[in-house]
N, C-alpha and C. Protein backbone atom coordinates (compact mmCIF):
# COMPACT_ATOMS: atom_id res chain seq x y z
N MET A 1 16.95 -1.64 10.34
CA MET A 1 16.50 -0.70 9.33
C MET A 1 15.06 -0.27 9.60
N ARG A 2 14.24 -1.25 10.04
CA ARG A 2 12.84 -0.94 10.33
C ARG A 2 12.73 0.05 11.49
N ILE A 3 13.57 -0.11 12.48
CA ILE A 3 13.54 0.80 13.63
C ILE A 3 13.97 2.20 13.20
N LEU A 4 14.97 2.27 12.33
CA LEU A 4 15.43 3.56 11.83
C LEU A 4 14.31 4.29 11.08
N MET A 5 13.54 3.56 10.26
CA MET A 5 12.42 4.17 9.54
C MET A 5 11.36 4.68 10.51
N TRP A 6 11.07 3.93 11.56
CA TRP A 6 10.08 4.39 12.55
C TRP A 6 10.58 5.63 13.29
N ILE A 7 11.86 5.67 13.58
CA ILE A 7 12.42 6.84 14.25
C ILE A 7 12.30 8.06 13.34
N LEU A 8 12.61 7.90 12.05
CA LEU A 8 12.48 9.01 11.11
C LEU A 8 11.02 9.46 10.97
N ARG A 9 10.10 8.51 10.95
CA ARG A 9 8.68 8.86 10.86
C ARG A 9 8.22 9.63 12.10
N LEU A 10 8.64 9.17 13.27
CA LEU A 10 8.27 9.87 14.51
C LEU A 10 8.87 11.27 14.54
N LEU A 11 10.12 11.40 14.09
CA LEU A 11 10.77 12.71 14.05
C LEU A 11 10.02 13.64 13.11
N LEU A 12 9.65 13.15 11.94
CA LEU A 12 8.89 13.95 10.99
C LEU A 12 7.52 14.34 11.56
N PHE A 13 6.86 13.39 12.21
CA PHE A 13 5.56 13.68 12.81
C PHE A 13 5.67 14.79 13.85
N PHE A 14 6.67 14.68 14.74
CA PHE A 14 6.80 15.69 15.79
C PHE A 14 7.21 17.06 15.22
N LEU A 15 8.01 17.05 14.17
CA LEU A 15 8.36 18.33 13.53
C LEU A 15 7.11 18.99 12.92
N LEU A 16 6.31 18.20 12.21
CA LEU A 16 5.09 18.75 11.61
C LEU A 16 4.06 19.14 12.68
N PHE A 17 3.98 18.37 13.74
CA PHE A 17 3.06 18.70 14.83
C PHE A 17 3.48 20.00 15.50
N GLY A 18 4.79 20.17 15.74
CA GLY A 18 5.28 21.42 16.32
C GLY A 18 5.03 22.59 15.39
N PHE A 19 5.17 22.39 14.08
CA PHE A 19 4.87 23.43 13.11
C PHE A 19 3.41 23.83 13.18
N ALA A 20 2.53 22.84 13.29
CA ALA A 20 1.09 23.12 13.37
C ALA A 20 0.75 23.88 14.65
N VAL A 21 1.37 23.51 15.75
CA VAL A 21 1.08 24.17 17.02
C VAL A 21 1.58 25.62 16.99
N LYS A 22 2.73 25.86 16.37
CA LYS A 22 3.28 27.21 16.32
C LYS A 22 2.52 28.12 15.36
N ASN A 23 1.76 27.56 14.42
CA ASN A 23 1.06 28.37 13.41
C ASN A 23 -0.45 28.22 13.56
N ASP A 24 -0.93 28.48 14.75
CA ASP A 24 -2.37 28.34 14.98
C ASP A 24 -3.10 29.69 14.93
N GLN A 25 -2.44 30.76 14.47
CA GLN A 25 -3.08 32.06 14.37
C GLN A 25 -4.14 32.02 13.27
N LEU A 26 -5.19 32.82 13.49
CA LEU A 26 -6.23 32.90 12.48
C LEU A 26 -5.79 33.81 11.34
N VAL A 27 -6.05 33.37 10.13
CA VAL A 27 -5.78 34.18 8.95
C VAL A 27 -7.10 34.36 8.21
N THR A 28 -7.20 35.44 7.47
CA THR A 28 -8.42 35.73 6.73
C THR A 28 -8.14 35.53 5.25
N LEU A 29 -8.95 34.67 4.63
CA LEU A 29 -8.88 34.47 3.18
C LEU A 29 -9.98 35.28 2.55
N ASN A 30 -9.61 36.21 1.69
CA ASN A 30 -10.58 37.06 1.01
C ASN A 30 -10.87 36.51 -0.39
N PHE A 31 -12.15 36.31 -0.66
CA PHE A 31 -12.60 35.82 -1.96
C PHE A 31 -13.30 36.94 -2.71
N PHE A 32 -13.81 36.60 -3.89
CA PHE A 32 -14.53 37.59 -4.68
C PHE A 32 -15.86 37.93 -4.02
N PHE A 33 -16.41 39.07 -4.39
CA PHE A 33 -17.71 39.57 -3.94
C PHE A 33 -17.77 39.77 -2.42
N GLY A 34 -16.64 40.06 -1.82
CA GLY A 34 -16.62 40.42 -0.41
C GLY A 34 -16.69 39.25 0.56
N SER A 35 -16.71 38.02 0.09
CA SER A 35 -16.76 36.89 1.03
C SER A 35 -15.36 36.61 1.58
N GLU A 36 -15.32 36.15 2.80
CA GLU A 36 -14.04 35.85 3.44
C GLU A 36 -14.22 34.72 4.43
N TRP A 37 -13.13 33.99 4.63
CA TRP A 37 -13.09 32.90 5.60
C TRP A 37 -11.97 33.19 6.58
N GLN A 38 -12.19 32.80 7.82
CA GLN A 38 -11.13 32.86 8.82
C GLN A 38 -10.85 31.45 9.29
N MET A 39 -9.59 31.07 9.23
CA MET A 39 -9.19 29.73 9.67
C MET A 39 -7.74 29.78 10.11
N PRO A 40 -7.30 28.77 10.88
CA PRO A 40 -5.90 28.73 11.31
C PRO A 40 -4.95 28.60 10.12
N LEU A 41 -3.80 29.20 10.25
CA LEU A 41 -2.80 29.21 9.18
C LEU A 41 -2.39 27.80 8.78
N VAL A 42 -2.29 26.89 9.72
CA VAL A 42 -1.87 25.53 9.41
C VAL A 42 -2.87 24.85 8.47
N PHE A 43 -4.16 25.15 8.57
CA PHE A 43 -5.15 24.58 7.65
C PHE A 43 -5.00 25.15 6.24
N VAL A 44 -4.66 26.41 6.15
CA VAL A 44 -4.43 27.02 4.84
C VAL A 44 -3.23 26.37 4.17
N ILE A 45 -2.16 26.17 4.93
CA ILE A 45 -0.96 25.53 4.39
C ILE A 45 -1.26 24.10 3.99
N LEU A 46 -1.99 23.37 4.82
CA LEU A 46 -2.36 21.99 4.52
C LEU A 46 -3.23 21.91 3.27
N ALA A 47 -4.17 22.82 3.11
CA ALA A 47 -5.04 22.83 1.93
C ALA A 47 -4.22 23.13 0.67
N ALA A 48 -3.27 24.05 0.76
CA ALA A 48 -2.43 24.35 -0.40
C ALA A 48 -1.56 23.15 -0.77
N PHE A 49 -1.04 22.45 0.23
CA PHE A 49 -0.24 21.26 -0.03
C PHE A 49 -1.09 20.17 -0.68
N ALA A 50 -2.30 19.96 -0.15
CA ALA A 50 -3.18 18.93 -0.69
C ALA A 50 -3.58 19.25 -2.13
N ALA A 51 -3.87 20.52 -2.41
CA ALA A 51 -4.22 20.92 -3.78
C ALA A 51 -3.05 20.68 -4.73
N GLY A 52 -1.84 20.97 -4.31
CA GLY A 52 -0.66 20.72 -5.13
C GLY A 52 -0.44 19.23 -5.36
N ALA A 53 -0.67 18.42 -4.33
CA ALA A 53 -0.50 16.97 -4.47
C ALA A 53 -1.53 16.41 -5.46
N VAL A 54 -2.77 16.87 -5.36
CA VAL A 54 -3.81 16.41 -6.29
C VAL A 54 -3.48 16.82 -7.71
N LEU A 55 -3.01 18.03 -7.88
CA LEU A 55 -2.63 18.50 -9.22
C LEU A 55 -1.46 17.68 -9.77
N GLY A 56 -0.49 17.38 -8.95
CA GLY A 56 0.65 16.57 -9.39
C GLY A 56 0.25 15.16 -9.76
N VAL A 57 -0.61 14.54 -8.96
CA VAL A 57 -1.08 13.18 -9.26
C VAL A 57 -1.88 13.18 -10.55
N THR A 58 -2.71 14.20 -10.76
CA THR A 58 -3.50 14.28 -11.99
C THR A 58 -2.60 14.40 -13.21
N ALA A 59 -1.59 15.23 -13.13
CA ALA A 59 -0.66 15.39 -14.26
C ALA A 59 0.09 14.09 -14.52
N THR A 60 0.51 13.40 -13.48
CA THR A 60 1.21 12.13 -13.63
C THR A 60 0.30 11.08 -14.23
N PHE A 61 -0.95 11.05 -13.80
CA PHE A 61 -1.91 10.07 -14.30
C PHE A 61 -2.17 10.28 -15.79
N ALA A 62 -2.25 11.52 -16.21
CA ALA A 62 -2.49 11.82 -17.62
C ALA A 62 -1.33 11.32 -18.48
N SER A 63 -0.10 11.56 -18.05
CA SER A 63 1.03 11.08 -18.83
C SER A 63 1.13 9.56 -18.79
N LEU A 64 0.75 8.94 -17.68
CA LEU A 64 0.75 7.49 -17.58
C LEU A 64 -0.23 6.88 -18.59
N LEU A 65 -1.41 7.46 -18.72
CA LEU A 65 -2.38 6.98 -19.70
C LEU A 65 -1.84 7.13 -21.12
N ARG A 66 -1.18 8.23 -21.41
CA ARG A 66 -0.62 8.45 -22.73
C ARG A 66 0.45 7.39 -23.04
N TYR A 67 1.29 7.08 -22.06
CA TYR A 67 2.32 6.07 -22.28
C TYR A 67 1.71 4.68 -22.46
N ARG A 68 0.65 4.36 -21.73
CA ARG A 68 0.00 3.06 -21.89
C ARG A 68 -0.60 2.91 -23.29
N ARG A 69 -1.21 3.98 -23.78
CA ARG A 69 -1.76 3.93 -25.15
C ARG A 69 -0.64 3.71 -26.15
N GLU A 70 0.48 4.40 -25.98
CA GLU A 70 1.61 4.25 -26.87
C GLU A 70 2.15 2.83 -26.84
N ILE A 71 2.26 2.24 -25.66
CA ILE A 71 2.74 0.87 -25.54
C ILE A 71 1.79 -0.09 -26.25
N GLY A 72 0.50 0.10 -26.08
CA GLY A 72 -0.48 -0.74 -26.77
C GLY A 72 -0.35 -0.63 -28.28
N ARG A 73 -0.19 0.58 -28.78
CA ARG A 73 -0.04 0.80 -30.22
C ARG A 73 1.24 0.12 -30.72
N LEU A 74 2.32 0.23 -29.98
CA LEU A 74 3.58 -0.39 -30.39
C LEU A 74 3.51 -1.91 -30.35
N LYS A 75 2.79 -2.48 -29.37
CA LYS A 75 2.63 -3.93 -29.31
C LYS A 75 1.85 -4.45 -30.52
N LYS A 76 0.80 -3.72 -30.91
CA LYS A 76 0.03 -4.12 -32.09
C LYS A 76 0.89 -4.05 -33.34
N ALA A 77 1.68 -2.99 -33.47
CA ALA A 77 2.56 -2.86 -34.63
C ALA A 77 3.60 -3.98 -34.66
N LEU A 78 4.13 -4.36 -33.51
CA LEU A 78 5.12 -5.43 -33.44
C LEU A 78 4.48 -6.76 -33.83
N ALA A 79 3.27 -7.01 -33.34
CA ALA A 79 2.59 -8.26 -33.68
C ALA A 79 2.31 -8.32 -35.19
N LYS A 80 1.89 -7.21 -35.76
CA LYS A 80 1.62 -7.17 -37.20
C LYS A 80 2.91 -7.40 -37.99
N SER A 81 3.99 -6.78 -37.57
CA SER A 81 5.28 -6.93 -38.23
C SER A 81 5.75 -8.38 -38.12
N ASP A 82 5.57 -8.99 -36.97
CA ASP A 82 5.97 -10.38 -36.77
C ASP A 82 5.15 -11.30 -37.67
N ARG A 83 3.85 -11.03 -37.79
CA ARG A 83 2.99 -11.83 -38.65
C ARG A 83 3.44 -11.74 -40.11
N THR A 84 3.71 -10.53 -40.56
CA THR A 84 4.12 -10.34 -41.96
C THR A 84 5.47 -11.01 -42.20
N ARG A 85 6.37 -10.96 -41.25
CA ARG A 85 7.68 -11.60 -41.40
C ARG A 85 7.52 -13.10 -41.51
N ARG A 86 6.68 -13.68 -40.65
CA ARG A 86 6.46 -15.14 -40.69
C ARG A 86 5.81 -15.57 -42.00
N GLU A 87 4.86 -14.76 -42.47
CA GLU A 87 4.20 -15.10 -43.74
C GLU A 87 5.19 -15.03 -44.89
N ALA A 88 6.08 -14.05 -44.87
CA ALA A 88 7.07 -13.90 -45.93
C ALA A 88 8.08 -15.04 -45.92
N GLU A 89 8.40 -15.55 -44.75
CA GLU A 89 9.36 -16.65 -44.64
C GLU A 89 8.70 -18.00 -44.87
N GLY A 90 7.38 -18.02 -44.91
CA GLY A 90 6.67 -19.27 -45.14
C GLY A 90 6.50 -20.11 -43.88
N GLN A 91 6.73 -19.53 -42.71
CA GLN A 91 6.53 -20.26 -41.46
C GLN A 91 5.06 -20.26 -41.11
N PRO A 92 4.59 -21.34 -40.48
CA PRO A 92 3.18 -21.37 -40.09
C PRO A 92 2.92 -20.38 -38.95
N LEU A 93 1.73 -19.81 -38.96
CA LEU A 93 1.35 -18.89 -37.90
C LEU A 93 0.85 -19.70 -36.72
N THR A 94 1.31 -19.39 -35.53
CA THR A 94 0.86 -20.10 -34.33
C THR A 94 0.03 -19.17 -33.49
N VAL A 95 -0.92 -19.75 -32.80
CA VAL A 95 -1.74 -18.99 -31.89
C VAL A 95 -1.03 -18.98 -30.55
N ALA A 96 -1.08 -17.84 -29.86
CA ALA A 96 -0.40 -17.73 -28.57
C ALA A 96 -0.92 -18.78 -27.61
N GLY A 97 -0.02 -19.51 -26.98
CA GLY A 97 -0.40 -20.53 -26.00
C GLY A 97 -0.31 -21.93 -26.57
N GLU A 98 -0.26 -22.11 -27.90
CA GLU A 98 -0.14 -23.42 -28.50
C GLU A 98 1.33 -23.81 -28.55
N SER A 99 1.60 -25.06 -28.25
CA SER A 99 2.99 -25.51 -28.27
C SER A 99 3.43 -25.95 -29.64
N GLY A 100 2.49 -26.34 -30.49
CA GLY A 100 2.84 -26.75 -31.83
C GLY A 100 3.23 -28.22 -31.92
N GLY A 101 3.43 -28.88 -30.79
CA GLY A 101 3.82 -30.30 -30.79
C GLY A 101 2.63 -31.17 -30.43
N VAL A 102 2.85 -32.47 -30.55
CA VAL A 102 1.81 -33.46 -30.20
C VAL A 102 2.06 -33.89 -28.78
N ALA A 103 1.00 -33.92 -27.99
CA ALA A 103 1.16 -34.27 -26.58
C ALA A 103 1.17 -35.75 -26.36
């Protein structure tokens, strides 16, 4: 399986390398106020891919933080509910990590 993964990686590398070699023509990027850059097409494609990857990671990170906050809020609510249930049943409250028995 490991050899198969290396073969796939090498195949992907050579395909991307061939793509880069075939697209080495200069392209002109026109910006505002008359400024322009000339660079190989493969760099423009690579920059667009990198910008999309950064944008995707940022969006994923934002939702991950939102879910972590929600999990924290739900854990606090569960602990509070558990405390109130134990108090209503008359069970003693235990601190996390205590066994409650005599050693």
